Amino acid sequence: MAEFYAIVWRGKDKGIEVPPHRYRNGLYQVKKRKRDRPTYVELHKLAEYLDGGYGVRMGNKDERHPPGLFMPKSIRTR
């Protein structure tokens, strides 16, 4: 399974790596647009939603970067 991440490209946290943010329910939040109602999905379904144009909330607790919505063009895999 691919590991998803993004690089913050602006602000004080510029350059840090952020993975998908897992919520307390164990799922990951995806949205088409910022104002849309969120959908919660399992990790193995993220690729499907990214292909469909959904963004993923991503953050980094270790770097104290709160979750933000990253769109598919900004998300990378390894």
PDB file of N, CA and C in Angstrom:
ATOM      1  N   MET A   1       0.846  -1.181   0.000  1.00  0.00           N
ATOM      2  CA  MET A   1       0.000   0.000   0.000  1.00  0.00           C
ATOM      3  C   MET A   1       0.889   1.241   0.000  1.00  0.00           C
ATOM      4  N   ALA A   2       0.500   2.228  -0.767  1.00  0.00           N
ATOM      5  CA  ALA A   2       1.276   3.468  -0.881  1.00  0.00           C
ATOM      6  C   ALA A   2       1.179   4.273   0.414  1.00  0.00           C
ATOM      7  N   GLU A   3       2.241   4.987   0.710  1.00  0.00           N
ATOM      8  CA  GLU A   3       2.260   5.883   1.856  1.00  0.00           C
ATOM      9  C   GLU A   3       2.118   7.304   1.319  1.00  0.00           C
ATOM     10  N   PHE A   4       1.094   8.009   1.758  1.00  0.00           N
ATOM     11  CA  PHE A   4       0.820   9.360   1.266  1.00  0.00           C
ATOM     12  C   PHE A   4       1.443  10.402   2.185  1.00  0.00           C
ATOM     13  N   TYR A   5       1.891  11.509   1.594  1.00  0.00           N
ATOM     14  CA  TYR A   5       2.400  12.636   2.359  1.00  0.00           C
ATOM     15  C   TYR A   5       2.351  13.885   1.490  1.00  0.00           C
ATOM     16  N   ALA A   6       2.494  15.030   2.118  1.00  0.00           N
ATOM     17  CA  ALA A   6       2.562  16.311   1.405  1.00  0.00           C
ATOM     18  C   ALA A   6       3.621  17.160   2.095  1.00  0.00           C
ATOM     19  N   ILE A   7       4.111  18.161   1.390  1.00  0.00           N
ATOM     20  CA  ILE A   7       5.078  19.106   1.938  1.00  0.00           C
ATOM     21  C   ILE A   7       4.376  20.455   2.085  1.00  0.00           C
ATOM     22  N   VAL A   8       4.472  21.045   3.269  1.00  0.00           N
ATOM     23  CA  VAL A   8       3.890  22.370   3.501  1.00  0.00           C
ATOM     24  C   VAL A   8       4.712  23.362   2.701  1.00  0.00           C
ATOM     25  N   TRP A   9       4.053  24.187   1.892  1.00  0.00           N
ATOM     26  CA  TRP A   9       4.788  25.082   0.995  1.00  0.00           C
ATOM     27  C   TRP A   9       4.660  26.553   1.327  1.00  0.00           C
ATOM     28  N   ARG A  10       3.980  26.884   2.437  1.00  0.00           N
ATOM     29  CA  ARG A  10       3.915  28.288   2.843  1.00  0.00           C
ATOM     30  C   ARG A  10       3.741  28.387   4.357  1.00  0.00           C
ATOM     31  N   GLY A  11       3.982  29.580   4.889  1.00  0.00           N
ATOM     32  CA  GLY A  11       3.816  29.817   6.318  1.00  0.00           C
ATOM     33  C   GLY A  11       5.036  29.433   7.124  1.00  0.00           C
ATOM     34  N   LYS A  12       4.901  29.486   8.447  1.00  0.00           N
ATOM     35  CA  LYS A  12       6.040  29.224   9.321  1.00  0.00           C
ATOM     36  C   LYS A  12       6.500  27.769   9.287  1.00  0.00           C
ATOM     37  N   ASP A  13       5.628  26.859   8.884  1.00  0.00           N
ATOM     38  CA  ASP A  13       5.978  25.432   8.822  1.00  0.00           C
ATOM     39  C   ASP A  13       6.454  25.002   7.437  1.00  0.00           C
ATOM     40  N   LYS A  14       6.778  25.946   6.593  1.00  0.00           N
ATOM     41  CA  LYS A  14       7.193  25.654   5.218  1.00  0.00           C
ATOM     42  C   LYS A  14       8.303  24.594   5.207  1.00  0.00           C
ATOM     43  N   GLY A  15       8.095  23.580   4.354  1.00  0.00           N
ATOM     44  CA  GLY A  15       9.091  22.532   4.180  1.00  0.00           C
ATOM     45  C   GLY A  15       8.885  21.278   5.009  1.00  0.00           C
ATOM     46  N   ILE A  16       7.962  21.284   5.976  1.00  0.00           N
ATOM     47  CA  ILE A  16       7.775  20.066   6.761  1.00  0.00           C
ATOM     48  C   ILE A  16       6.870  19.084   6.018  1.00  0.00           C
ATOM     49  N   GLU A  17       7.050  17.827   6.330  1.00  0.00           N
ATOM     50  CA  GLU A  17       6.273  16.749   5.719  1.00  0.00           C
ATOM     51  C   GLU A  17       5.064  16.457   6.607  1.00  0.00           C
ATOM     52  N   VAL A  18       3.900  16.311   5.975  1.00  0.00           N
ATOM     53  CA  VAL A  18       2.679  16.007   6.721  1.00  0.00           C
ATOM     54  C   VAL A  18       2.011  14.756   6.147  1.00  0.00           C
ATOM     55  N   PRO A  19       1.700  13.792   7.000  1.00  0.00           N
ATOM     56  CA  PRO A  19       0.964  12.592   6.571  1.00  0.00           C
ATOM     57  C   PRO A  19      -0.538  12.814   6.756  1.00  0.00           C
ATOM     58  N   PRO A  20      -1.366  11.919   6.227  1.00  0.00           N
ATOM     59  CA  PRO A  20      -2.811  12.018   6.470  1.00  0.00           C
ATOM     60  C   PRO A  20      -3.099  11.982   7.975  1.00  0.00           C
ATOM     61  N   HIS A  21      -4.021  12.806   8.405  1.00  0.00           N
ATOM     62  CA  HIS A  21      -4.381  12.880   9.825  1.00  0.00           C
ATOM     63  C   HIS A  21      -5.440  11.826  10.145  1.00  0.00           C
ATOM     64  N   ARG A  22      -5.114  10.949  11.074  1.00  0.00           N
ATOM     65  CA  ARG A  22      -6.064   9.915  11.495  1.00  0.00           C
ATOM     66  C   ARG A  22      -6.867  10.447  12.676  1.00  0.00           C
ATOM     67  N   TYR A  23      -8.178  10.389  12.555  1.00  0.00           N
ATOM     68  CA  TYR A  23      -9.060  10.873  13.602  1.00  0.00           C
ATOM     69  C   TYR A  23      -9.270   9.806  14.667  1.00  0.00           C
ATOM     70  N   ARG A  24      -9.880  10.200  15.769  1.00  0.00           N
ATOM     71  CA  ARG A  24     -10.089   9.276  16.895  1.00  0.00           C
ATOM     72  C   ARG A  24     -10.866   8.034  16.515  1.00  0.00           C
ATOM     73  N   ASN A  25     -11.708   8.154  15.499  1.00  0.00           N
ATOM     74  CA  ASN A  25     -12.493   6.998  15.061  1.00  0.00           C
ATOM     75  C   ASN A  25     -11.663   6.061  14.181  1.00  0.00           C
ATOM     76  N   GLY A  26     -10.376   6.396  13.964  1.00  0.00           N
ATOM     77  CA  GLY A  26      -9.484   5.544  13.187  1.00  0.00           C
ATOM     78  C   GLY A  26      -9.563   5.772  11.686  1.00  0.00           C
ATOM     79  N   LEU A  27     -10.364   6.753  11.270  1.00  0.00           N
ATOM     80  CA  LEU A  27     -10.561   7.006   9.845  1.00  0.00           C
ATOM     81  C   LEU A  27      -9.896   8.321   9.424  1.00  0.00           C
ATOM     82  N   TYR A  28      -9.880   8.554   8.117  1.00  0.00           N
ATOM     83  CA  TYR A  28      -9.246   9.732   7.527  1.00  0.00           C
ATOM     84  C   TYR A  28     -10.320  10.565   6.837  1.00  0.00           C
ATOM     85  N   GLN A  29     -10.178  11.894   6.920  1.00  0.00           N
ATOM     86  CA  GLN A  29     -11.205  12.787   6.383  1.00  0.00           C
ATOM     87  C   GLN A  29     -10.854  13.235   4.967  1.00  0.00           C
ATOM     88  N   VAL A  30     -11.834  13.138   4.069  1.00  0.00           N
ATOM     89  CA  VAL A  30     -11.673  13.606   2.694  1.00  0.00           C
ATOM     90  C   VAL A  30     -12.834  14.547   2.357  1.00  0.00           C
ATOM     91  N   LYS A  31     -12.552  15.515   1.456  1.00  0.00           N
ATOM     92  CA  LYS A  31     -13.567  16.471   0.998  1.00  0.00           C
ATOM     93  C   LYS A  31     -13.249  16.869  -0.428  1.00  0.00           C
ATOM     94  N   LYS A  32     -14.273  17.217  -1.189  1.00  0.00           N
ATOM     95  CA  LYS A  32     -14.077  17.745  -2.544  1.00  0.00           C
ATOM     96  C   LYS A  32     -13.619  19.202  -2.469  1.00  0.00           C
ATOM     97  N   ARG A  33     -14.284  19.980  -1.619  1.00  0.00           N
ATOM     98  CA  ARG A  33     -13.958  21.396  -1.429  1.00  0.00           C
ATOM     99  C   ARG A  33     -13.957  21.691   0.070  1.00  0.00           C
ATOM    100  N   LYS A  34     -13.312  22.766   0.439  1.00  0.00           N
ATOM    101  CA  LYS A  34     -13.183  23.127   1.847  1.00  0.00           C
ATOM    102  C   LYS A  34     -14.531  23.217   2.574  1.00  0.00           C
ATOM    103  N   ARG A  35     -15.546  23.764   1.913  1.00  0.00           N
ATOM    104  CA  ARG A  35     -16.849  23.953   2.560  1.00  0.00           C
ATOM    105  C   ARG A  35     -17.730  22.706   2.575  1.00  0.00           C
ATOM    106  N   ASP A  36     -17.350  21.674   1.854  1.00  0.00           N
ATOM    107  CA  ASP A  36     -18.170  20.461   1.797  1.00  0.00           C
ATOM    108  C   ASP A  36     -18.167  19.723   3.130  1.00  0.00           C
ATOM    109  N   ARG A  37     -19.198  18.941   3.314  1.00  0.00           N
ATOM    110  CA  ARG A  37     -19.289  18.075   4.480  1.00  0.00           C
ATOM    111  C   ARG A  37     -18.229  16.973   4.343  1.00  0.00           C
ATOM    112  N   PRO A  38     -17.498  16.658   5.408  1.00  0.00           N
ATOM    113  CA  PRO A  38     -16.445  15.647   5.302  1.00  0.00           C
ATOM    114  C   PRO A  38     -16.985  14.226   5.178  1.00  0.00           C
ATOM    115  N   THR A  39     -16.184  13.407   4.526  1.00  0.00           N
ATOM    116  CA  THR A  39     -16.441  11.974   4.443  1.00  0.00           C
ATOM    117  C   THR A  39     -15.266  11.301   5.134  1.00  0.00           C
ATOM    118  N   TYR A  40     -15.533  10.287   5.937  1.00  0.00           N
ATOM    119  CA  TYR A  40     -14.468   9.581   6.645  1.00  0.00           C
ATOM    120  C   TYR A  40     -14.261   8.222   5.999  1.00  0.00           C
ATOM    121  N   VAL A  41     -12.995   7.917   5.677  1.00  0.00           N
ATOM    122  CA  VAL A  41     -12.683   6.674   4.964  1.00  0.00           C
ATOM    123  C   VAL A  41     -11.505   5.957   5.620  1.00  0.00           C
ATOM    124  N   GLU A  42     -11.375   4.687   5.307  1.00  0.00           N
ATOM    125  CA  GLU A  42     -10.239   3.910   5.786  1.00  0.00           C
ATOM    126  C   GLU A  42      -9.018   4.211   4.926  1.00  0.00           C
ATOM    127  N   LEU A  43      -7.840   3.948   5.467  1.00  0.00           N
ATOM    128  CA  LEU A  43      -6.580   4.269   4.792  1.00  0.00           C
ATOM    129  C   LEU A  43      -6.485   3.642   3.407  1.00  0.00           C
ATOM    130  N   HIS A  44      -6.923   2.399   3.271  1.00  0.00           N
ATOM    131  CA  HIS A  44      -6.791   1.719   1.978  1.00  0.00           C
ATOM    132  C   HIS A  44      -7.711   2.308   0.897  1.00  0.00           C
ATOM    133  N   LYS A  45      -8.660   3.171   1.270  1.00  0.00           N
ATOM    134  CA  LYS A  45      -9.555   3.800   0.298  1.00  0.00           C
ATOM    135  C   LYS A  45      -9.097   5.202  -0.122  1.00  0.00           C
ATOM    136  N   LEU A  46      -8.040   5.737   0.510  1.00  0.00           N
ATOM    137  CA  LEU A  46      -7.597   7.093   0.197  1.00  0.00           C
ATOM    138  C   LEU A  46      -7.233   7.262  -1.277  1.00  0.00           C
ATOM    139  N   ALA A  47      -6.544   6.310  -1.858  1.00  0.00           N
ATOM    140  CA  ALA A  47      -6.129   6.419  -3.265  1.00  0.00           C
ATOM    141  C   ALA A  47      -7.338   6.579  -4.178  1.00  0.00           C
ATOM    142  N   GLU A  48      -8.392   5.848  -3.910  1.00  0.00           N
ATOM    143  CA  GLU A  48      -9.637   5.945  -4.694  1.00  0.00           C
ATOM    144  C   GLU A  48     -10.199   7.365  -4.665  1.00  0.00           C
ATOM    145  N   TYR A  49     -10.247   7.935  -3.469  1.00  0.00           N
ATOM    146  CA  TYR A  49     -10.793   9.279  -3.314  1.00  0.00           C
ATOM    147  C   TYR A  49      -9.879  10.329  -3.931  1.00  0.00           C
ATOM    148  N   LEU A  50      -8.574  10.162  -3.808  1.00  0.00           N
ATOM    149  CA  LEU A  50      -7.635  11.097  -4.444  1.00  0.00           C
ATOM    150  C   LEU A  50      -7.822  11.075  -5.958  1.00  0.00           C
ATOM    151  N   ASP A  51      -7.978   9.902  -6.520  1.00  0.00           N
ATOM    152  CA  ASP A  51      -8.219   9.778  -7.965  1.00  0.00           C
ATOM    153  C   ASP A  51      -9.528  10.459  -8.369  1.00  0.00           C
ATOM    154  N   GLY A  52     -10.475  10.526  -7.443  1.00  0.00           N
ATOM    155  CA  GLY A  52     -11.763  11.164  -7.706  1.00  0.00           C
ATOM    156  C   GLY A  52     -11.746  12.667  -7.455  1.00  0.00           C
ATOM    157  N   GLY A  53     -10.583  13.226  -7.130  1.00  0.00           N
ATOM    158  CA  GLY A  53     -10.465  14.663  -6.942  1.00  0.00           C
ATOM    159  C   GLY A  53     -10.687  15.165  -5.525  1.00  0.00           C
ATOM    160  N   TYR A  54     -10.778  14.256  -4.565  1.00  0.00           N
ATOM    161  CA  TYR A  54     -10.971  14.647  -3.173  1.00  0.00           C
ATOM    162  C   TYR A  54      -9.648  15.067  -2.545  1.00  0.00           C
ATOM    163  N   GLY A  55      -9.733  16.027  -1.623  1.00  0.00           N
ATOM    164  CA  GLY A  55      -8.578  16.415  -0.825  1.00  0.00           C
ATOM    165  C   GLY A  55      -8.585  15.629   0.475  1.00  0.00           C
ATOM    166  N   VAL A  56      -7.439  15.579   1.152  1.00  0.00           N
ATOM    167  CA  VAL A  56      -7.294  14.827   2.400  1.00  0.00           C
ATOM    168  C   VAL A  56      -6.784  15.767   3.488  1.00  0.00           C
ATOM    169  N   ARG A  57      -7.355  15.658   4.683  1.00  0.00           N
ATOM    170  CA  ARG A  57      -6.841  16.440   5.816  1.00  0.00           C
ATOM    171  C   ARG A  57      -5.536  15.796   6.260  1.00  0.00           C
ATOM    172  N   MET A  58      -4.477  16.628   6.315  1.00  0.00           N
ATOM    173  CA  MET A  58      -3.149  16.136   6.666  1.00  0.00           C
ATOM    174  C   MET A  58      -2.533  17.070   7.696  1.00  0.00           C
ATOM    175  N   GLY A  59      -1.803  16.499   8.639  1.00  0.00           N
ATOM    176  CA  GLY A  59      -1.150  17.285   9.678  1.00  0.00           C
ATOM    177  C   GLY A  59       0.006  16.512  10.283  1.00  0.00           C
ATOM    178  N   ASN A  60       0.773  17.172  11.154  1.00  0.00           N
ATOM    179  CA  ASN A  60       1.937  16.550  11.766  1.00  0.00           C
ATOM    180  C   ASN A  60       1.997  16.966  13.229  1.00  0.00           C
ATOM    181  N   LYS A  61       1.598  16.059  14.124  1.00  0.00           N
ATOM    182  CA  LYS A  61       1.590  16.353  15.560  1.00  0.00           C
ATOM    183  C   LYS A  61       2.993  16.650  16.088  1.00  0.00           C
ATOM    184  N   ASP A  62       3.987  15.909  15.620  1.00  0.00           N
ATOM    185  CA  ASP A  62       5.360  16.099  16.101  1.00  0.00           C
ATOM    186  C   ASP A  62       5.874  17.499  15.805  1.00  0.00           C
ATOM    187  N   GLU A  63       5.463  18.063  14.684  1.00  0.00           N
ATOM    188  CA  GLU A  63       5.886  19.411  14.282  1.00  0.00           C
ATOM    189  C   GLU A  63       4.861  20.472  14.686  1.00  0.00           C
ATOM    190  N   ARG A  64       3.806  20.036  15.383  1.00  0.00           N
ATOM    191  CA  ARG A  64       2.711  20.924  15.821  1.00  0.00           C
ATOM    192  C   ARG A  64       2.052  21.640  14.648  1.00  0.00           C
ATOM    193  N   HIS A  65       1.873  20.907  13.557  1.00  0.00           N
ATOM    194  CA  HIS A  65       1.177  21.456  12.395  1.00  0.00           C
ATOM    195  C   HIS A  65      -0.233  20.869  12.375  1.00  0.00           C
ATOM    196  N   PRO A  66      -1.264  21.706  12.602  1.00  0.00           N
ATOM    197  CA  PRO A  66      -2.641  21.189  12.660  1.00  0.00           C
ATOM    198  C   PRO A  66      -3.105  20.673  11.302  1.00  0.00           C
ATOM    199  N   PRO A  67      -4.074  19.768  11.293  1.00  0.00           N
ATOM    200  CA  PRO A  67      -4.570  19.218  10.039  1.00  0.00           C
ATOM    201  C   PRO A  67      -5.170  20.290   9.129  1.00  0.00           C
ATOM    202  N   GLY A  68      -4.803  20.226   7.872  1.00  0.00           N
ATOM    203  CA  GLY A  68      -5.344  21.110   6.857  1.00  0.00           C
ATOM    204  C   GLY A  68      -5.709  20.292   5.635  1.00  0.00           C
ATOM    205  N   LEU A  69      -6.513  20.853   4.766  1.00  0.00           N
ATOM    206  CA  LEU A  69      -6.956  20.141   3.572  1.00  0.00           C
ATOM    207  C   LEU A  69      -5.924  20.283   2.458  1.00  0.00           C
ATOM    208  N   PHE A  70      -5.393  19.163   1.992  1.00  0.00           N
ATOM    209  CA  PHE A  70      -4.438  19.131   0.893  1.00  0.00           C
ATOM    210  C   PHE A  70      -5.114  18.453  -0.293  1.00  0.00           C
ATOM    211  N   MET A  71      -5.043  19.110  -1.445  1.00  0.00           N
ATOM    212  CA  MET A  71      -5.682  18.597  -2.638  1.00  0.00           C
ATOM    213  C   MET A  71      -4.761  17.598  -3.347  1.00  0.00           C
ATOM    214  N   PRO A  72      -5.314  16.759  -4.233  1.00  0.00           N
ATOM    215  CA  PRO A  72      -4.533  15.682  -4.874  1.00  0.00           C
ATOM    216  C   PRO A  72      -3.245  16.135  -5.558  1.00  0.00           C
ATOM    217  N   LYS A  73      -3.238  17.321  -6.167  1.00  0.00           N
ATOM    218  CA  LYS A  73      -2.036  17.766  -6.871  1.00  0.00           C
ATOM    219  C   LYS A  73      -0.861  18.003  -5.923  1.00  0.00           C
ATOM    220  N   SER A  74      -1.127  18.185  -4.623  1.00  0.00           N
ATOM    221  CA  SER A  74      -0.084  18.430  -3.629  1.00  0.00           C
ATOM    222  C   SER A  74       0.372  17.173  -2.890  1.00  0.00           C
ATOM    223  N   ILE A  75      -0.346  16.073  -3.084  1.00  0.00           N
ATOM    224  CA  ILE A  75      -0.077  14.854  -2.329  1.00  0.00           C
ATOM    225  C   ILE A  75       0.832  13.921  -3.134  1.00  0.00           C
ATOM    226  N   ARG A  76       1.833  13.402  -2.436  1.00  0.00           N
ATOM    227  CA  ARG A  76       2.810  12.500  -3.055  1.00  0.00           C
ATOM    228  C   ARG A  76       2.717  11.111  -2.426  1.00  0.00           C
ATOM    229  N   THR A  77       3.317  10.159  -3.079  1.00  0.00           N
ATOM    230  CA  THR A  77       3.372   8.798  -2.527  1.00  0.00           C
ATOM    231  C   THR A  77       4.809   8.308  -2.528  1.00  0.00           C
ATOM    232  N   ARG A  78       5.074   7.329  -1.673  1.00  0.00           N
ATOM    233  CA  ARG A  78       6.387   6.669  -1.705  1.00  0.00           C
ATOM    234  C   ARG A  78       6.167   5.185  -1.757  1.00  0.00           C
TER     235      ARG A  78
END
